[in-house]
Amino acid sequence: MSCVGICGVASTLLYLINNVLVPLLFAISFLVFLYGIAKAYIIAPSSGDSAGVKNGHKIILWGLIGFVAMVSVWGMVNVVANTFGLTGVAAPILPTSY
């Protein structure tokens, strides 16, 4: 029996958040974090730019804030999903060989 109505919409929304939005935002946060590291520890010191180092540290901080925000959102979505029993689609059983 398939889930129809609000349950189907909630499951689709849950799938989009958990499997599309959160990994995409994690990737963006990670790239921002890596750019901040490169700017603070590779690019700016080689040119002798102390303001660039400070700017790189700010970029690193924003990347870390992005990580914390995504973990928080991911946790809240999963708490709400488990509270209302919206587990989504289970993974298929893996084939075995004997």
Protein backbone atom coordinates (compact mmCIF):
# COMPACT_ATOMS: atom_id res chain seq x y z
CA MET A 1 0.00 0.00 0.00
CA SER A 2 1.50 3.29 -1.01
CA CYS A 3 1.45 6.41 1.09
CA VAL A 4 -0.86 9.01 -0.46
CA GLY A 5 -1.62 12.61 0.45
CA ILE A 6 0.25 14.49 3.13
CA CYS A 7 2.36 11.44 3.99
CA GLY A 8 3.59 11.20 0.40
CA VAL A 9 4.39 14.90 0.25
CA ALA A 10 6.23 14.72 3.59
CA SER A 11 8.23 11.68 2.46
CA THR A 12 9.20 13.43 -0.78
CA LEU A 13 10.18 16.56 1.11
CA LEU A 14 12.18 14.49 3.58
CA TYR A 15 13.96 12.74 0.71
CA LEU A 16 14.83 16.06 -0.96
CA ILE A 17 16.18 17.57 2.24
CA ASN A 18 18.18 14.53 3.39
CA ASN A 19 19.47 13.28 0.04
CA VAL A 20 19.79 16.42 -2.07
CA LEU A 21 19.86 19.67 -0.09
CA VAL A 22 21.98 18.66 2.91
CA PRO A 23 24.78 16.96 0.91
CA LEU A 24 24.87 19.89 -1.53
CA LEU A 25 25.19 22.41 1.30
CA PHE A 26 27.82 20.25 3.02
CA ALA A 27 29.83 20.30 -0.22
CA ILE A 28 29.51 24.07 -0.53
CA SER A 29 30.55 24.55 3.12
CA PHE A 30 33.52 22.25 2.60
CA LEU A 31 34.64 24.15 -0.49
CA VAL A 32 34.33 27.48 1.35
CA PHE A 33 36.35 26.00 4.23
CA LEU A 34 39.08 24.77 1.86
CA TYR A 35 39.18 28.15 0.08
CA GLY A 36 39.61 29.87 3.45
CA ILE A 37 42.48 27.55 4.35
CA ALA A 38 44.16 28.19 1.00
CA LYS A 39 43.68 31.93 1.34
CA ALA A 40 44.84 32.14 4.97
CA TYR A 41 47.78 29.74 4.86
CA ILE A 42 48.96 29.56 1.23
CA ILE A 43 47.94 32.59 -0.86
CA ALA A 44 48.12 35.51 1.59
CA PRO A 45 51.36 34.60 3.42
CA SER A 46 53.22 34.11 0.15
CA SER A 47 52.31 37.66 -0.90
CA GLY A 48 52.92 39.13 2.58
CA ASP A 49 49.30 40.28 2.96
CA SER A 50 48.28 40.27 6.65
CA ALA A 51 44.77 41.50 5.79
CA GLY A 52 44.40 38.51 3.46
CA VAL A 53 45.26 36.16 6.31
CA LYS A 54 42.55 37.74 8.48
CA ASN A 55 40.10 37.49 5.58
CA GLY A 56 41.04 33.82 5.14
CA HIS A 57 40.36 33.19 8.82
CA LYS A 58 36.91 34.78 8.44
CA ILE A 59 36.19 32.52 5.46
CA ILE A 60 37.27 29.47 7.49
CA LEU A 61 34.94 30.56 10.29
CA TRP A 62 32.01 30.90 7.87
CA GLY A 63 32.75 27.43 6.50
CA LEU A 64 32.66 26.00 10.02
CA ILE A 65 29.43 27.88 10.77
CA GLY A 66 27.98 26.29 7.64
CA PHE A 67 28.95 22.83 8.90
CA VAL A 68 27.33 23.46 12.29
CA ALA A 69 24.17 24.82 10.67
CA MET A 70 23.88 21.82 8.36
CA VAL A 71 24.36 19.30 11.15
CA SER A 72 21.69 21.15 13.16
CA VAL A 73 19.21 21.23 10.27
CA TRP A 74 19.89 17.59 9.43
CA GLY A 75 19.34 16.61 13.06
CA MET A 76 16.10 18.59 13.37
CA VAL A 77 14.71 17.12 10.14
CA ASN A 78 15.48 13.59 11.34
CA VAL A 79 13.97 14.24 14.79
CA VAL A 80 10.75 15.52 13.19
CA ALA A 81 10.73 12.61 10.72
CA ASN A 82 11.20 10.02 13.48
CA THR A 83 8.60 11.72 15.68
CA PHE A 84 5.91 11.47 13.01
CA GLY A 85 7.06 8.11 11.66
CA LEU A 86 8.17 9.46 8.28
CA THR A 87 11.00 7.06 7.62
CA GLY A 88 10.85 7.37 3.84
CA VAL A 89 11.83 4.56 1.53
CA ALA A 90 14.02 1.84 2.99
CA ALA A 91 17.12 0.69 1.18
CA PRO A 92 16.64 -2.46 -0.89
CA ILE A 93 18.00 -5.75 0.37
CA LEU A 94 21.46 -6.36 -1.02
CA PRO A 95 21.92 -9.51 -3.10
CA THR A 96 24.10 -12.22 -1.65
CA SER A 97 26.06 -14.96 -3.29
CA TYR A 98 26.66 -18.37 -1.86
